[in-house]
PDB file of N, CA and C in Angstrom:
ATOM      1  N   UNK A   1       0.857  -1.188   0.000  1.00  0.00           N
ATOM      2  CA  UNK A   1       0.000   0.000   0.000  1.00  0.00           C
ATOM      3  C   UNK A   1       0.889   1.232   0.000  1.00  0.00           C
ATOM      4  N   UNK A   2       0.546   2.184  -0.820  1.00  0.00           N
ATOM      5  CA  UNK A   2       1.336   3.401  -0.848  1.00  0.00           C
ATOM      6  C   UNK A   2       0.956   4.304   0.317  1.00  0.00           C
ATOM      7  N   UNK A   3       1.714   5.339   0.548  1.00  0.00           N
ATOM      8  CA  UNK A   3       1.492   6.217   1.698  1.00  0.00           C
ATOM      9  C   UNK A   3       0.099   6.833   1.690  1.00  0.00           C
ATOM     10  N   UNK A   4      -0.395   7.190   0.529  1.00  0.00           N
ATOM     11  CA  UNK A   4      -1.718   7.803   0.452  1.00  0.00           C
ATOM     12  C   UNK A   4      -2.826   6.758   0.504  1.00  0.00           C
ATOM     13  N   UNK A   5      -2.489   5.512   0.217  1.00  0.00           N
ATOM     14  CA  UNK A   5      -3.479   4.444   0.269  1.00  0.00           C
ATOM     15  C   UNK A   5      -4.483   4.470  -0.863  1.00  0.00           C
ATOM     16  N   UNK A   6      -4.156   5.163  -1.945  1.00  0.00           N
ATOM     17  CA  UNK A   6      -5.119   5.278  -3.033  1.00  0.00           C
ATOM     18  C   UNK A   6      -4.765   4.447  -4.260  1.00  0.00           C
ATOM     19  N   UNK A   7      -3.736   3.593  -4.146  1.00  0.00           N
ATOM     20  CA  UNK A   7      -3.375   2.715  -5.251  1.00  0.00           C
ATOM     21  C   UNK A   7      -3.861   1.296  -4.985  1.00  0.00           C
ATOM     22  N   UNK A   8      -4.358   0.670  -6.025  1.00  0.00           N
ATOM     23  CA  UNK A   8      -4.784  -0.726  -5.938  1.00  0.00           C
ATOM     24  C   UNK A   8      -3.548  -1.619  -5.900  1.00  0.00           C
ATOM     25  N   UNK A   9      -3.506  -2.565  -4.985  1.00  0.00           N
ATOM     26  CA  UNK A   9      -2.360  -3.468  -4.854  1.00  0.00           C
ATOM     27  C   UNK A   9      -2.283  -4.470  -6.005  1.00  0.00           C
ATOM     28  N   UNK A  10      -3.371  -4.652  -6.743  1.00  0.00           N
ATOM     29  CA  UNK A  10      -3.373  -5.597  -7.859  1.00  0.00           C
ATOM     30  C   UNK A  10      -2.862  -4.928  -9.138  1.00  0.00           C
ATOM     31  N   UNK A  11      -3.479  -3.820  -9.535  1.00  0.00           N
ATOM     32  CA  UNK A  11      -3.102  -3.171 -10.795  1.00  0.00           C
ATOM     33  C   UNK A  11      -2.093  -2.039 -10.613  1.00  0.00           C
ATOM     34  N   UNK A  12      -1.848  -1.627  -9.377  1.00  0.00           N
ATOM     35  CA  UNK A  12      -0.901  -0.552  -9.064  1.00  0.00           C
ATOM     36  C   UNK A  12      -1.295   0.787  -9.680  1.00  0.00           C
ATOM     37  N   UNK A  13      -2.593   0.980  -9.904  1.00  0.00           N
ATOM     38  CA  UNK A  13      -3.100   2.244 -10.427  1.00  0.00           C
ATOM     39  C   UNK A  13      -4.042   2.851  -9.401  1.00  0.00           C
ATOM     40  N   UNK A  14      -4.399   4.115  -9.615  1.00  0.00           N
ATOM     41  CA  UNK A  14      -5.337   4.773  -8.710  1.00  0.00           C
ATOM     42  C   UNK A  14      -6.649   3.985  -8.701  1.00  0.00           C
ATOM     43  N   UNK A  15      -7.187   3.752  -7.513  1.00  0.00           N
ATOM     44  CA  UNK A  15      -8.391   2.921  -7.397  1.00  0.00           C
ATOM     45  C   UNK A  15      -9.583   3.555  -8.090  1.00  0.00           C
ATOM     46  N   UNK A  16     -10.285   2.719  -8.833  1.00  0.00           N
ATOM     47  CA  UNK A  16     -11.531   3.103  -9.487  1.00  0.00           C
ATOM     48  C   UNK A  16     -12.615   2.204  -8.916  1.00  0.00           C
ATOM     49  N   UNK A  17     -13.635   2.793  -8.336  1.00  0.00           N
ATOM     50  CA  UNK A  17     -14.731   2.042  -7.710  1.00  0.00           C
ATOM     51  C   UNK A  17     -14.191   1.022  -6.712  1.00  0.00           C
ATOM     52  N   UNK A  18     -13.505   1.492  -5.651  1.00  0.00           N
ATOM     53  CA  UNK A  18     -12.923   0.562  -4.672  1.00  0.00           C
ATOM     54  C   UNK A  18     -13.970  -0.293  -3.963  1.00  0.00           C
ATOM     55  N   UNK A  19     -13.593  -1.529  -3.680  1.00  0.00           N
ATOM     56  CA  UNK A  19     -14.462  -2.485  -2.987  1.00  0.00           C
ATOM     57  C   UNK A  19     -13.741  -2.992  -1.747  1.00  0.00           C
ATOM     58  N   UNK A  20     -14.455  -3.000  -0.617  1.00  0.00           N
ATOM     59  CA  UNK A  20     -13.920  -3.537   0.632  1.00  0.00           C
ATOM     60  C   UNK A  20     -14.345  -4.999   0.741  1.00  0.00           C
ATOM     61  N   UNK A  21     -13.367  -5.894   0.795  1.00  0.00           N
ATOM     62  CA  UNK A  21     -13.652  -7.323   0.911  1.00  0.00           C
ATOM     63  C   UNK A  21     -13.873  -7.716   2.371  1.00  0.00           C
ATOM     64  N   UNK A  22     -14.392  -8.919   2.610  1.00  0.00           N
ATOM     65  CA  UNK A  22     -14.614  -9.401   3.982  1.00  0.00           C
ATOM     66  C   UNK A  22     -13.330  -9.426   4.798  1.00  0.00           C
ATOM     67  N   UNK A  23     -12.199  -9.599   4.127  1.00  0.00           N
ATOM     68  CA  UNK A  23     -10.904  -9.647   4.815  1.00  0.00           C
ATOM     69  C   UNK A  23     -10.382  -8.248   5.132  1.00  0.00           C
ATOM     70  N   UNK A  24     -11.144  -7.221   4.772  1.00  0.00           N
ATOM     71  CA  UNK A  24     -10.820  -5.807   5.017  1.00  0.00           C
ATOM     72  C   UNK A  24      -9.804  -5.228   4.037  1.00  0.00           C
ATOM     73  N   UNK A  25      -9.455  -5.961   2.981  1.00  0.00           N
ATOM     74  CA  UNK A  25      -8.589  -5.416   1.942  1.00  0.00           C
ATOM     75  C   UNK A  25      -9.460  -4.641   0.953  1.00  0.00           C
ATOM     76  N   UNK A  26      -8.882  -3.624   0.347  1.00  0.00           N
ATOM     77  CA  UNK A  26      -9.607  -2.800  -0.618  1.00  0.00           C
ATOM     78  C   UNK A  26      -8.901  -2.877  -1.968  1.00  0.00           C
ATOM     79  N   UNK A  27      -9.673  -3.174  -3.011  1.00  0.00           N
ATOM     80  CA  UNK A  27      -9.148  -3.266  -4.366  1.00  0.00           C
ATOM     81  C   UNK A  27     -10.136  -2.614  -5.326  1.00  0.00           C
ATOM     82  N   UNK A  28      -9.696  -2.367  -6.564  1.00  0.00           N
ATOM     83  CA  UNK A  28     -10.597  -1.869  -7.607  1.00  0.00           C
ATOM     84  C   UNK A  28     -11.676  -2.917  -7.883  1.00  0.00           C
ATOM     85  N   UNK A  29     -12.855  -2.454  -8.191  1.00  0.00           N
ATOM     86  CA  UNK A  29     -13.936  -3.377  -8.530  1.00  0.00           C
ATOM     87  C   UNK A  29     -13.551  -4.252  -9.722  1.00  0.00           C
ATOM     88  N   UNK A  30     -12.933  -3.660 -10.739  1.00  0.00           N
ATOM     89  CA  UNK A  30     -12.539  -4.419 -11.932  1.00  0.00           C
ATOM     90  C   UNK A  30     -11.515  -5.499 -11.591  1.00  0.00           C
ATOM     91  N   UNK A  31     -10.544  -5.169 -10.742  1.00  0.00           N
ATOM     92  CA  UNK A  31      -9.516  -6.145 -10.368  1.00  0.00           C
ATOM     93  C   UNK A  31     -10.128  -7.315  -9.600  1.00  0.00           C
ATOM     94  N   UNK A  32     -11.031  -7.021  -8.690  1.00  0.00           N
ATOM     95  CA  UNK A  32     -11.671  -8.073  -7.889  1.00  0.00           C
ATOM     96  C   UNK A  32     -12.518  -8.977  -8.787  1.00  0.00           C
ATOM     97  N   UNK A  33     -13.222  -8.394  -9.734  1.00  0.00           N
ATOM     98  CA  UNK A  33     -14.088  -9.208 -10.596  1.00  0.00           C
ATOM     99  C   UNK A  33     -13.277 -10.118 -11.517  1.00  0.00           C
ATOM    100  N   UNK A  34     -12.031  -9.725 -11.847  1.00  0.00           N
ATOM    101  CA  UNK A  34     -11.174 -10.573 -12.678  1.00  0.00           C
ATOM    102  C   UNK A  34     -10.639 -11.770 -11.902  1.00  0.00           C
ATOM    103  N   UNK A  35     -10.466 -11.651 -10.588  1.00  0.00           N
ATOM    104  CA  UNK A  35      -9.933 -12.721  -9.761  1.00  0.00           C
ATOM    105  C   UNK A  35     -11.092 -13.539  -9.291  1.00  0.00           C
TER     106      UNK A  35
END
């Protein structure tokens, strides 16, 4: 996670439509749907 916390750990880009998972991790909606 970067200092600002606004980058997705999967795609390494600024988060678009972030989703909070049950495990409390946050990723882009598109990245989560691909996995």
